[in-house]
């Protein structure tokens, strides 16, 4: 349940701290005092979006904290799913900075708004004044019936199954719709792959072939140059090696007389070794170089094949062409299995649909079994709320195919007059009648909702007198099974609260600030008397207020 709400720098609230207890809490105050602003502040802590317009002072950040005790509400799995440490004492904190930055925390751990909102929906039901619009929504109506029938978990299981079926069906439709294109792609890419595989391309092949082509094309000049080198180095006559041997012999003759000549001789010997090796290598290269027009033709043809494939596939080099070959092979592999994938996806979609159908049948049976008792209970409560001739009916209309909520849609039918046949609720009921219907729905669902708390924003609007007393009875009775907080203008309702808060405005020279005060017994008498008689509190109103509080 909600234990405490603290607010700083929100709208016209500078700072407040409200504590809440078990049972039924009421909040009263003048119109415009800021009662509904409290719900706006609480909404921030429950994950609603906001901007800097909510800041009272643009120089400070807005902080809203809502403290809950969540023991026994089986929220551990939700915490685990979102990587949060569970604790029975839960603090939801929201901060809005002057720069517009929003931060959300659960027990001081930063979280996304989606996580905060998901948790908030499991903690408290905030009934705003416009929520009666939901009474015309078939999905909402079905969820009400499901909760009454004790089938809320089955309904959630069905929605999950429906979502899985939609994903499976969309996957099948996407692949099946593209099947013809996939088959055409298979033929196209298979031909390309066959051509590439037939070429037997290897990495580095292009560079080696281009070098070989250069050698073969210039084989004559290469041999002529190498012959000239070997002739100059070791040919007959005055070759380089012959001359160097002569130089070495001359230096050897004088080395005994001139030590420096011995050093020169050794250097000449080293040069002779290198030049002999050069001459040998040049002669070997010469013998290995052949003018082979046949081989040149083969190399040129091979390069033409590579260049043609590179141009066809718009590749800059052989490496890129080989990568393209791998891509085409993957595409062929994927396209080749299209029929098998269609079969598998169709099977998955059919299996998912079978689960949907089975769950829909169970859900429909639970709804139809519960709808009579549900209708009778709502009708009985409406009669207690000042509509003795009210008739409330629930039509479950079968659908041709399962949908997001099952195999039927719901319509709440209503008539407040004996002579008028029930019509669709949202079209025929007044605002006050809609509020009373919603109160009845919330009441019968209080024990089955599984929520720790519910907040009503003037759910009792449009009623007075004895009906107002009955509204108070219902809210007080709901407070026996869950925490109920109600913003009200009715003294008959306000007198039923276990705790009573008064919201008021405090005027100063520069600003108007909303404040909240927990009333003691004496103050409660005065506040309820004010609700009875208006701004001028009479002695009769005070006595009436004491009587109402005495009957609490």
Protein backbone atom coordinates (compact mmCIF):
# COMPACT_ATOMS: atom_id res chain seq x y z
CA UNK A 1 0.00 0.00 0.00
CA UNK A 2 0.98 3.66 -0.33
CA UNK A 3 2.67 4.74 2.90
CA UNK A 4 3.87 8.26 2.15
CA UNK A 5 3.90 10.87 -0.62
CA UNK A 6 6.43 13.71 -0.56
CA UNK A 7 6.44 16.45 -3.18
CA UNK A 8 8.83 19.38 -3.73
CA UNK A 9 8.54 22.18 -6.28
CA UNK A 10 5.63 20.76 -8.30
CA UNK A 11 2.97 23.01 -9.88
CA UNK A 12 1.69 25.14 -6.97
CA UNK A 13 3.11 22.79 -4.34
CA UNK A 14 6.29 24.07 -2.77
CA UNK A 15 6.66 21.16 -0.38
CA UNK A 16 4.36 18.62 1.26
CA UNK A 17 4.59 15.34 3.10
CA UNK A 18 1.52 13.11 3.40
CA UNK A 19 1.31 9.85 5.28
CA UNK A 20 -1.30 7.20 4.49
CA UNK A 21 -2.62 4.24 6.42
CA UNK A 22 -4.81 1.22 5.89
CA UNK A 23 -8.45 1.48 5.00
CA UNK A 24 -10.22 4.53 3.64
CA UNK A 25 -8.55 7.97 3.42
CA UNK A 26 -10.41 11.09 2.27
CA UNK A 27 -9.05 14.33 0.84
CA UNK A 28 -11.20 17.47 0.78
CA UNK A 29 -10.70 21.13 -0.02
CA UNK A 30 -12.06 24.07 -1.95
CA UNK A 31 -12.37 23.79 -5.72
CA UNK A 32 -9.04 24.80 -7.25
CA UNK A 33 -7.10 24.28 -4.03
CA UNK A 34 -4.91 21.68 -5.70
CA UNK A 35 -6.44 18.33 -4.79
CA UNK A 36 -6.11 16.92 -8.29
CA UNK A 37 -2.58 18.32 -8.49
CA UNK A 38 -1.66 15.72 -5.86
CA UNK A 39 -2.66 13.02 -8.35
CA UNK A 40 -0.51 14.67 -11.00
CA UNK A 41 2.46 14.59 -8.64
CA UNK A 42 1.80 10.95 -7.77
CA UNK A 43 1.55 10.22 -11.50
CA UNK A 44 5.16 11.34 -11.92
CA UNK A 45 6.28 8.76 -9.36
CA UNK A 46 4.24 6.15 -11.24
CA UNK A 47 6.01 6.82 -14.54
CA UNK A 48 3.90 9.47 -16.27
CA UNK A 49 5.71 11.88 -18.58
CA UNK A 50 6.33 15.50 -17.65
CA UNK A 51 8.34 18.57 -18.65
CA UNK A 52 9.68 21.71 -17.00
CA UNK A 53 6.19 23.28 -16.99
CA UNK A 54 5.52 21.31 -13.78
CA UNK A 55 8.21 23.22 -11.89
CA UNK A 56 6.96 25.83 -9.41
CA UNK A 57 10.40 27.45 -9.33
CA UNK A 58 12.46 27.22 -12.51
CA UNK A 59 15.63 27.42 -10.40
CA UNK A 60 15.06 24.14 -8.53
CA UNK A 61 14.34 20.59 -9.52
CA UNK A 62 11.03 18.89 -8.84
CA UNK A 63 11.19 15.79 -6.64
CA UNK A 64 8.33 13.39 -6.01
CA UNK A 65 8.70 10.30 -3.82
CA UNK A 66 6.06 7.64 -3.20
CA UNK A 67 6.78 5.08 -0.48
CA UNK A 68 4.98 1.73 -0.63
CA UNK A 69 4.88 -1.41 1.42
CA UNK A 70 4.59 -4.24 -1.11
CA UNK A 71 4.87 -7.30 1.10
CA UNK A 72 2.65 -10.12 -0.09
CA UNK A 73 1.93 -8.74 -3.58
CA UNK A 74 4.27 -11.16 -5.41
CA UNK A 75 6.38 -8.54 -7.17
CA UNK A 76 9.69 -10.40 -6.80
CA UNK A 77 9.62 -11.73 -10.38
CA UNK A 78 9.01 -8.24 -11.78
CA UNK A 79 12.04 -6.96 -9.86
CA UNK A 80 14.18 -9.87 -11.08
CA UNK A 81 13.11 -9.35 -14.70
CA UNK A 82 14.32 -5.76 -14.52
CA UNK A 83 17.55 -6.43 -12.63
CA UNK A 84 16.35 -4.80 -9.39
CA UNK A 85 16.87 -5.88 -5.79
CA UNK A 86 13.54 -6.65 -4.14
CA UNK A 87 12.59 -5.13 -0.80
CA UNK A 88 9.22 -5.03 0.96
CA UNK A 89 9.74 -1.29 1.45
CA UNK A 90 9.64 0.36 -1.97
CA UNK A 91 10.46 3.96 -2.86
CA UNK A 92 9.62 5.36 -6.28
CA UNK A 93 11.38 8.68 -6.89
CA UNK A 94 11.11 11.00 -9.85
CA UNK A 95 13.19 14.11 -10.49
CA UNK A 96 12.63 16.82 -13.13
CA UNK A 97 15.52 19.29 -13.47
CA UNK A 98 15.16 22.93 -14.61
CA UNK A 99 16.93 21.87 -17.83
CA UNK A 100 14.09 19.45 -18.52
CA UNK A 101 16.00 16.27 -17.71
CA UNK A 102 13.90 13.53 -16.15
CA UNK A 103 15.31 10.83 -13.90
CA UNK A 104 13.50 7.88 -12.36
CA UNK A 105 14.64 5.72 -9.45
CA UNK A 106 13.36 2.58 -7.77
CA UNK A 107 14.96 2.20 -4.32
CA UNK A 108 17.73 4.60 -5.46
CA UNK A 109 18.48 2.51 -8.57
CA UNK A 110 18.10 4.45 -11.85
CA UNK A 111 15.44 2.94 -14.13
CA UNK A 112 13.61 3.81 -17.32
CA UNK A 113 10.13 5.33 -17.25
CA UNK A 114 8.74 2.16 -18.80
CA UNK A 115 10.02 0.07 -15.88
CA UNK A 116 8.66 2.58 -13.37
CA UNK A 117 5.29 2.65 -15.14
CA UNK A 118 5.11 -1.14 -15.31
CA UNK A 119 5.70 -1.36 -11.57
CA UNK A 120 3.28 1.50 -10.88
CA UNK A 121 0.43 -0.33 -12.60
CA UNK A 122 0.96 -3.21 -10.16
CA UNK A 123 0.83 -0.94 -7.12
CA UNK A 124 -2.08 1.45 -7.44
CA UNK A 125 -5.13 2.16 -9.60
CA UNK A 126 -5.64 5.91 -10.08
CA UNK A 127 -9.20 6.64 -11.20
CA UNK A 128 -9.30 10.07 -12.81
CA UNK A 129 -12.50 11.94 -13.63
CA UNK A 130 -12.18 11.18 -17.36
CA UNK A 131 -11.73 7.42 -16.85
CA UNK A 132 -15.47 6.83 -17.28
CA UNK A 133 -14.72 7.07 -21.01
CA UNK A 134 -13.31 3.55 -20.70
CA UNK A 135 -16.81 2.26 -20.06
CA UNK A 136 -17.38 2.37 -23.83
CA UNK A 137 -14.22 0.44 -24.58
CA UNK A 138 -14.82 -3.26 -25.29
CA UNK A 139 -11.30 -4.27 -24.30
CA UNK A 140 -11.69 -2.56 -20.91
CA UNK A 141 -15.09 -4.21 -20.45
CA UNK A 142 -13.64 -7.64 -21.16
CA UNK A 143 -10.84 -7.07 -18.67
CA UNK A 144 -13.40 -6.13 -16.03
CA UNK A 145 -15.33 -9.35 -16.69
CA UNK A 146 -12.10 -11.38 -16.67
CA UNK A 147 -11.09 -9.95 -13.31
CA UNK A 148 -14.54 -10.66 -11.87
CA UNK A 149 -14.41 -14.22 -13.23
CA UNK A 150 -11.02 -14.79 -11.66
CA UNK A 151 -9.60 -15.20 -15.16
CA UNK A 152 -7.21 -12.24 -15.17
CA UNK A 153 -4.15 -14.49 -15.37
CA UNK A 154 -5.79 -16.58 -18.11
CA UNK A 155 -6.56 -13.35 -19.97
CA UNK A 156 -2.93 -12.28 -19.67
CA UNK A 157 -1.82 -15.71 -20.88
CA UNK A 158 -4.13 -15.34 -23.88
CA UNK A 159 -2.77 -11.87 -24.74
CA UNK A 160 0.77 -13.23 -24.65
CA UNK A 161 -0.25 -16.16 -26.86
CA UNK A 162 -1.97 -13.76 -29.26
CA UNK A 163 1.18 -11.64 -29.48
CA UNK A 164 3.27 -14.76 -30.20
CA UNK A 165 0.80 -15.81 -32.89
CA UNK A 166 0.94 -12.37 -34.55
CA UNK A 167 4.75 -12.50 -34.62
CA UNK A 168 4.68 -16.02 -36.10
CA UNK A 169 2.03 -15.07 -38.65
CA UNK A 170 3.87 -11.93 -39.74
CA UNK A 171 7.10 -13.92 -40.14
CA UNK A 172 5.28 -16.46 -42.32
CA UNK A 173 3.51 -13.77 -44.38
CA UNK A 174 6.76 -11.91 -45.00
CA UNK A 175 8.58 -14.98 -46.31
CA UNK A 176 5.60 -16.42 -48.20
CA UNK A 177 4.91 -13.08 -49.85
CA UNK A 178 8.50 -12.93 -51.08
CA UNK A 179 8.65 -16.59 -52.12
CA UNK A 180 8.44 -15.94 -55.87
CA UNK A 181 11.12 -13.30 -55.66
CA UNK A 182 13.26 -15.64 -53.57
CA UNK A 183 12.91 -18.38 -56.16
CA UNK A 184 13.84 -15.96 -58.96
CA UNK A 185 16.80 -14.81 -56.86
CA UNK A 186 17.87 -18.42 -56.46
CA UNK A 187 18.02 -18.95 -60.23
CA UNK A 188 19.82 -15.67 -60.79
CA UNK A 189 22.40 -16.05 -58.05
CA UNK A 190 22.91 -19.75 -58.74
CA UNK A 191 24.00 -18.90 -62.29
CA UNK A 192 26.39 -16.27 -60.97
CA UNK A 193 27.81 -18.66 -58.40
CA UNK A 194 28.32 -21.42 -60.98
CA UNK A 195 30.25 -18.98 -63.17
CA UNK A 196 32.46 -17.86 -60.28
CA UNK A 197 33.10 -21.40 -59.05
CA UNK A 198 33.98 -22.52 -62.58
CA UNK A 199 36.67 -19.82 -62.69
CA UNK A 200 38.39 -21.42 -59.65
CA UNK A 201 39.67 -18.11 -58.37
CA UNK A 202 42.43 -18.11 -55.76
CA UNK A 203 43.70 -15.32 -53.55
CA UNK A 204 46.82 -13.55 -54.92
CA UNK A 205 46.39 -15.13 -58.34
CA UNK A 206 45.85 -11.89 -60.23
CA UNK A 207 49.06 -10.23 -59.03
CA UNK A 208 51.15 -13.33 -59.86
CA UNK A 209 49.62 -13.59 -63.34
CA UNK A 210 50.20 -9.93 -64.09
CA UNK A 211 53.87 -10.29 -63.13
CA UNK A 212 54.22 -13.40 -65.29
CA UNK A 213 52.54 -11.62 -68.19
CA UNK A 214 55.07 -8.78 -67.91
CA UNK A 215 57.98 -11.24 -68.00
CA UNK A 216 56.62 -13.16 -70.99
CA UNK A 217 55.83 -10.03 -72.94
CA UNK A 218 59.38 -8.68 -72.44
CA UNK A 219 61.26 -12.01 -72.54
CA UNK A 220 63.52 -10.93 -75.48
CA UNK A 221 64.73 -7.76 -73.78
CA UNK A 222 65.22 -9.63 -70.49
CA UNK A 223 67.42 -12.32 -72.12
CA UNK A 224 69.42 -9.73 -74.04
CA UNK A 225 70.12 -7.77 -70.88
CA UNK A 226 71.07 -10.84 -68.85
CA UNK A 227 73.42 -12.05 -71.64
CA UNK A 228 75.14 -8.67 -71.67
CA UNK A 229 75.55 -8.86 -67.87
CA UNK A 230 77.12 -12.31 -67.87
CA UNK A 231 79.39 -11.39 -70.84
CA UNK A 232 80.58 -8.24 -69.10
CA UNK A 233 81.26 -10.06 -65.87
CA UNK A 234 82.76 -13.37 -67.02
CA UNK A 235 82.98 -13.45 -70.81
CA UNK A 236 86.07 -14.11 -72.86
CA UNK A 237 88.53 -11.25 -73.13
CA UNK A 238 88.67 -8.28 -70.88
CA UNK A 239 85.68 -9.10 -68.64
CA UNK A 240 85.24 -7.58 -65.21
CA UNK A 241 86.21 -10.78 -63.42
CA UNK A 242 89.27 -11.28 -65.64
CA UNK A 243 90.48 -7.75 -64.94
CA UNK A 244 89.86 -8.13 -61.19
CA UNK A 245 91.91 -11.36 -61.12
CA UNK A 246 94.77 -9.50 -62.81
CA UNK A 247 94.52 -6.76 -60.19
CA UNK A 248 94.53 -9.30 -57.39
CA UNK A 249 97.64 -11.09 -58.80
CA UNK A 250 99.55 -7.80 -59.05
CA UNK A 251 98.70 -6.90 -55.47
CA UNK A 252 99.80 -10.38 -54.29
CA UNK A 253 103.28 -9.87 -55.76
CA UNK A 254 103.94 -6.74 -53.74
CA UNK A 255 102.14 -7.69 -50.53
CA UNK A 256 105.37 -8.97 -48.91
CA UNK A 257 106.96 -5.58 -49.36
CA UNK A 258 103.85 -3.49 -48.84
CA UNK A 259 101.50 -4.67 -46.06
CA UNK A 260 98.75 -2.30 -47.30
CA UNK A 261 98.66 -4.20 -50.58
CA UNK A 262 97.62 -7.39 -48.70
CA UNK A 263 94.57 -5.58 -47.32
CA UNK A 264 93.60 -4.45 -50.80
CA UNK A 265 94.03 -7.99 -52.08
CA UNK A 266 91.60 -9.30 -49.49
CA UNK A 267 89.05 -6.70 -50.50
CA UNK A 268 89.41 -7.66 -54.16
CA UNK A 269 88.84 -11.32 -53.20
CA UNK A 270 85.54 -10.37 -51.54
CA UNK A 271 84.45 -8.53 -54.70
CA UNK A 272 85.38 -11.49 -56.86
CA UNK A 273 83.13 -13.75 -54.75
CA UNK A 274 80.14 -11.37 -55.10
CA UNK A 275 80.63 -10.79 -58.82
CA UNK A 276 81.05 -14.54 -59.49
CA UNK A 277 77.73 -15.10 -57.68
CA UNK A 278 76.04 -12.31 -59.65
CA UNK A 279 77.30 -13.77 -62.91
CA UNK A 280 75.95 -17.21 -61.93
CA UNK A 281 72.53 -15.88 -60.93
CA UNK A 282 72.26 -13.80 -64.14
CA UNK A 283 73.12 -16.84 -66.26
CA UNK A 284 70.55 -18.93 -64.35
CA UNK A 285 67.82 -16.29 -64.86
CA UNK A 286 68.73 -16.15 -68.53
CA UNK A 287 68.34 -19.88 -68.95
CA UNK A 288 64.98 -19.83 -67.11
CA UNK A 289 63.61 -17.00 -69.24
CA UNK A 290 61.83 -18.32 -72.28
CA UNK A 291 60.05 -16.58 -75.11
CA UNK A 292 56.85 -18.71 -74.85
CA UNK A 293 53.97 -17.28 -76.92
CA UNK A 294 51.73 -20.20 -75.92
CA UNK A 295 52.14 -19.54 -72.21
CA UNK A 296 51.67 -15.82 -72.74
CA UNK A 297 48.38 -16.55 -74.47
CA UNK A 298 47.24 -18.72 -71.53
CA UNK A 299 48.16 -16.07 -68.94
CA UNK A 300 46.45 -13.32 -70.94
CA UNK A 301 43.28 -15.41 -71.30
CA UNK A 302 43.23 -16.13 -67.57
CA UNK A 303 43.62 -12.44 -66.72
CA UNK A 304 40.87 -11.56 -69.18
CA UNK A 305 38.56 -13.97 -67.33
CA UNK A 306 39.40 -12.39 -63.97
CA UNK A 307 39.05 -8.82 -65.26
CA UNK A 308 35.73 -9.68 -66.94
CA UNK A 309 34.32 -11.11 -63.69
CA UNK A 310 35.58 -8.11 -61.72
CA UNK A 311 33.85 -5.74 -64.14
CA UNK A 312 30.63 -7.77 -64.10
CA UNK A 313 30.44 -7.72 -60.32
CA UNK A 314 31.84 -4.18 -60.01
CA UNK A 315 34.84 -5.22 -57.94
CA UNK A 316 38.12 -3.33 -57.76
CA UNK A 317 40.36 -6.34 -57.30
CA UNK A 318 40.38 -10.11 -56.93
CA UNK A 319 40.08 -9.94 -53.13
CA UNK A 320 36.81 -8.02 -53.43
CA UNK A 321 35.62 -10.46 -56.10
CA UNK A 322 36.25 -13.42 -53.78
CA UNK A 323 34.25 -11.67 -51.02
CA UNK A 324 31.43 -11.15 -53.48
CA UNK A 325 31.54 -14.85 -54.32
CA UNK A 326 31.03 -15.69 -50.63
CA UNK A 327 28.08 -13.29 -50.44
CA UNK A 328 26.46 -14.86 -53.50
CA UNK A 329 26.99 -18.33 -52.04
CA UNK A 330 25.23 -17.23 -48.82
CA UNK A 331 22.36 -15.74 -50.82
CA UNK A 332 21.98 -18.94 -52.85
CA UNK A 333 21.96 -20.98 -49.65
CA UNK A 334 19.28 -18.77 -48.12
CA UNK A 335 17.12 -18.73 -51.26
CA UNK A 336 17.49 -22.48 -51.71
CA UNK A 337 15.75 -23.09 -48.38
CA UNK A 338 12.80 -20.76 -48.96
CA UNK A 339 10.24 -23.54 -49.36
CA UNK A 340 11.53 -25.31 -46.28
CA UNK A 341 11.45 -22.06 -44.31
CA UNK A 342 7.90 -21.36 -45.47
CA UNK A 343 6.87 -24.81 -44.28
CA UNK A 344 8.55 -24.31 -40.89
CA UNK A 345 7.08 -20.83 -40.42
CA UNK A 346 3.62 -22.03 -41.42
CA UNK A 347 3.90 -24.83 -38.87
CA UNK A 348 4.97 -22.37 -36.16
CA UNK A 349 2.07 -20.02 -36.99
CA UNK A 350 -0.42 -22.90 -36.97
CA UNK A 351 0.87 -24.14 -33.62
CA UNK A 352 0.66 -20.63 -32.16
CA UNK A 353 -2.89 -20.27 -33.50
CA UNK A 354 -3.88 -23.58 -31.93
CA UNK A 355 -2.71 -22.27 -28.54
CA UNK A 356 -4.70 -19.05 -29.12
CA UNK A 357 -7.81 -21.03 -29.99
CA UNK A 358 -7.49 -23.29 -26.95
CA UNK A 359 -6.98 -20.37 -24.55
CA UNK A 360 -9.75 -18.36 -26.20
CA UNK A 361 -12.17 -21.22 -25.61
CA UNK A 362 -11.27 -21.45 -21.93
CA UNK A 363 -11.45 -17.68 -21.53
CA UNK A 364 -14.83 -17.50 -23.27
CA UNK A 365 -16.23 -20.23 -21.03
CA UNK A 366 -15.05 -18.40 -17.89
CA UNK A 367 -16.58 -15.14 -19.10
CA UNK A 368 -19.96 -16.65 -19.96
CA UNK A 369 -20.11 -18.47 -16.65
CA UNK A 370 -19.41 -15.27 -14.69
CA UNK A 371 -21.40 -12.73 -16.65
CA UNK A 372 -24.81 -13.44 -15.09
CA UNK A 373 -23.59 -13.06 -11.50
CA UNK A 374 -21.54 -10.02 -12.51
CA UNK A 375 -24.59 -8.36 -14.10
CA UNK A 376 -26.79 -9.07 -11.08
CA UNK A 377 -24.23 -7.68 -8.63
CA UNK A 378 -23.73 -4.45 -10.58
CA UNK A 379 -27.48 -3.99 -10.98
CA UNK A 380 -28.05 -4.50 -7.25
CA UNK A 381 -25.40 -1.95 -6.34
CA UNK A 382 -26.80 0.61 -8.80
CA UNK A 383 -30.19 0.28 -7.13
CA UNK A 384 -28.57 0.99 -3.77
CA UNK A 385 -27.00 4.09 -5.33
CA UNK A 386 -30.33 5.74 -6.02
CA UNK A 387 -31.31 4.10 -9.29
CA UNK A 388 -34.14 1.73 -8.29
CA UNK A 389 -35.11 0.98 -11.87
CA UNK A 390 -31.58 0.59 -13.21
CA UNK A 391 -30.87 -2.34 -15.47
CA UNK A 392 -27.32 -3.32 -16.25
CA UNK A 393 -26.62 -6.04 -18.80
CA UNK A 394 -23.52 -7.47 -20.40
CA UNK A 395 -23.61 -8.74 -23.97
CA UNK A 396 -20.84 -11.05 -25.12
CA UNK A 397 -20.88 -10.89 -28.91
CA UNK A 398 -19.04 -13.71 -30.71
CA UNK A 399 -16.38 -12.81 -33.27
CA UNK A 400 -15.77 -14.72 -36.47
CA UNK A 401 -12.07 -15.04 -35.64
CA UNK A 402 -10.02 -14.63 -32.45
CA UNK A 403 -8.80 -11.12 -31.72
CA UNK A 404 -6.50 -9.40 -29.20
CA UNK A 405 -8.93 -10.08 -26.33
CA UNK A 406 -10.47 -13.39 -27.34
CA UNK A 407 -13.31 -14.69 -29.49
CA UNK A 408 -15.92 -12.18 -28.39
CA UNK A 409 -16.35 -8.51 -27.70
CA UNK A 410 -18.29 -7.10 -24.76
CA UNK A 411 -20.92 -4.40 -24.53
CA UNK A 412 -22.18 -2.96 -21.27
CA UNK A 413 -25.88 -2.15 -21.70
CA UNK A 414 -27.69 0.23 -19.34
CA UNK A 415 -31.03 1.80 -18.65
CA UNK A 416 -31.95 3.98 -15.68
CA UNK A 417 -35.68 3.91 -16.44
CA UNK A 418 -38.13 1.05 -16.30
CA UNK A 419 -39.81 1.90 -19.59
CA UNK A 420 -36.56 2.26 -21.58
CA UNK A 421 -34.79 -0.80 -22.91
CA UNK A 422 -31.07 -0.99 -22.09
CA UNK A 423 -28.75 0.64 -24.61
CA UNK A 424 -24.99 0.77 -25.01
CA UNK A 425 -23.79 2.35 -21.75
CA UNK A 426 -21.56 5.16 -23.03
CA UNK A 427 -24.34 6.45 -25.34
CA UNK A 428 -27.24 6.61 -22.92
CA UNK A 429 -25.88 7.28 -19.40
CA UNK A 430 -25.35 10.73 -17.90
CA UNK A 431 -22.08 11.75 -16.29
CA UNK A 432 -23.36 11.02 -12.80
CA UNK A 433 -24.73 7.65 -13.89
CA UNK A 434 -21.41 6.74 -15.53
CA UNK A 435 -19.57 7.64 -12.33
CA UNK A 436 -21.86 5.39 -10.30
CA UNK A 437 -21.42 2.51 -12.76
CA UNK A 438 -17.66 2.91 -12.57
CA UNK A 439 -17.80 2.96 -8.77
CA UNK A 440 -19.77 -0.29 -8.82
CA UNK A 441 -17.25 -1.89 -11.18
CA UNK A 442 -14.33 -0.79 -9.04
CA UNK A 443 -16.09 -2.04 -5.94
CA UNK A 444 -16.81 -5.56 -7.17
CA UNK A 445 -13.28 -5.78 -8.53
CA UNK A 446 -11.55 -4.49 -5.41
CA UNK A 447 -10.91 -7.93 -3.96
CA UNK A 448 -9.91 -9.53 -7.28
CA UNK A 449 -7.68 -6.81 -8.70
CA UNK A 450 -4.65 -7.78 -6.64
CA UNK A 451 -3.71 -4.10 -6.31
CA UNK A 452 -2.52 -2.74 -2.96
CA UNK A 453 -4.35 0.59 -3.41
CA UNK A 454 -6.90 2.56 -5.41
CA UNK A 455 -7.34 6.34 -5.66
CA UNK A 456 -10.59 7.97 -6.75
CA UNK A 457 -10.72 11.53 -8.03
CA UNK A 458 -14.30 12.57 -7.22
CA UNK A 459 -15.85 9.24 -8.21
CA UNK A 460 -18.85 10.50 -6.19
CA UNK A 461 -19.49 13.56 -8.38
CA UNK A 462 -23.09 14.06 -9.43
CA UNK A 463 -24.68 12.41 -6.37
CA UNK A 464 -26.05 13.75 -3.10
CA UNK A 465 -28.23 12.93 -0.14
CA UNK A 466 -28.92 9.30 0.60
CA UNK A 467 -27.06 8.18 -2.53
CA UNK A 468 -23.97 9.98 -1.25
CA UNK A 469 -24.25 8.00 1.97
CA UNK A 470 -24.42 4.79 -0.04
CA UNK A 471 -21.30 5.86 -1.98
CA UNK A 472 -19.58 6.37 1.36
CA UNK A 473 -20.68 2.90 2.47
CA UNK A 474 -19.25 1.33 -0.68
CA UNK A 475 -15.92 3.16 -0.43
CA UNK A 476 -15.60 2.35 3.25
CA UNK A 477 -16.40 -1.29 2.53
CA UNK A 478 -13.75 -1.36 -0.22
CA UNK A 479 -11.29 0.00 2.32
CA UNK A 480 -11.67 -3.19 4.35
CA UNK A 481 -9.99 -5.23 1.59
CA UNK A 482 -7.57 -2.66 0.14
CA UNK A 483 -6.28 0.84 0.64
CA UNK A 484 -8.74 3.40 -0.75
CA UNK A 485 -8.04 7.12 -1.13
CA UNK A 486 -10.84 9.39 -2.33
CA UNK A 487 -10.88 13.07 -3.28
CA UNK A 488 -14.38 14.27 -2.50
CA UNK A 489 -16.71 17.24 -1.98
CA UNK A 490 -19.38 15.20 -0.22
CA UNK A 491 -19.67 15.36 3.59
CA UNK A 492 -21.39 11.96 3.64
CA UNK A 493 -18.30 10.43 2.01
CA UNK A 494 -15.69 12.51 3.83
CA UNK A 495 -17.09 11.47 7.20
CA UNK A 496 -16.34 7.80 6.46
CA UNK A 497 -12.58 8.19 6.17
CA UNK A 498 -10.14 6.74 8.66
CA UNK A 499 -7.76 9.61 7.82
CA UNK A 500 -8.91 13.00 6.57
CA UNK A 501 -6.62 15.43 4.73
CA UNK A 502 -7.59 19.00 3.93
CA UNK A 503 -6.03 20.72 0.90
CA UNK A 504 -5.97 24.53 0.95
CA UNK A 505 -4.24 27.46 -0.69
CA UNK A 506 -1.95 29.81 1.17
CA UNK A 507 -1.74 33.27 -0.36
CA UNK A 508 1.26 35.59 -0.05
CA UNK A 509 2.31 38.82 -1.72
CA UNK A 510 4.20 36.98 -4.42
CA UNK A 511 2.67 33.53 -4.81
CA UNK A 512 -0.11 31.05 -4.14
CA UNK A 513 0.96 27.78 -2.58
CA UNK A 514 -0.99 24.56 -2.02
CA UNK A 515 -0.70 23.04 1.43
CA UNK A 516 -2.10 19.89 2.99
CA UNK A 517 -3.01 19.28 6.63
CA UNK A 518 -4.04 16.07 8.37
CA UNK A 519 -7.14 16.97 10.37
CA UNK A 520 -7.71 16.04 13.97
CA UNK A 521 -11.19 15.24 15.30
CA UNK A 522 -12.10 18.86 16.02
CA UNK A 523 -10.87 20.04 12.63
CA UNK A 524 -12.76 17.24 10.90
CA UNK A 525 -16.01 18.45 12.42
CA UNK A 526 -15.35 21.95 11.08
CA UNK A 527 -14.37 20.73 7.62
CA UNK A 528 -17.39 18.45 7.25
CA UNK A 529 -19.61 21.27 8.51
CA UNK A 530 -18.10 23.49 5.80
CA UNK A 531 -18.91 20.85 3.20
CA UNK A 532 -22.49 20.80 4.51
CA UNK A 533 -23.17 24.53 4.72
CA UNK A 534 -20.57 26.28 2.56
CA UNK A 535 -18.22 29.09 3.59
CA UNK A 536 -20.43 30.13 6.55
CA UNK A 537 -20.41 27.29 9.03
CA UNK A 538 -23.62 27.17 11.06
CA UNK A 539 -24.26 25.52 14.39
CA UNK A 540 -26.71 23.16 12.67
CA UNK A 541 -24.02 22.15 10.20
CA UNK A 542 -21.60 21.48 13.06
CA UNK A 543 -24.16 19.30 14.81
CA UNK A 544 -24.88 17.47 11.56
CA UNK A 545 -21.13 16.96 11.04
CA UNK A 546 -20.79 15.46 14.52
CA UNK A 547 -23.66 13.16 13.76
CA UNK A 548 -22.08 12.02 10.48
CA UNK A 549 -18.76 11.36 12.19
CA UNK A 550 -20.53 9.55 14.99
CA UNK A 551 -22.07 7.20 12.46
CA UNK A 552 -18.73 6.42 10.87
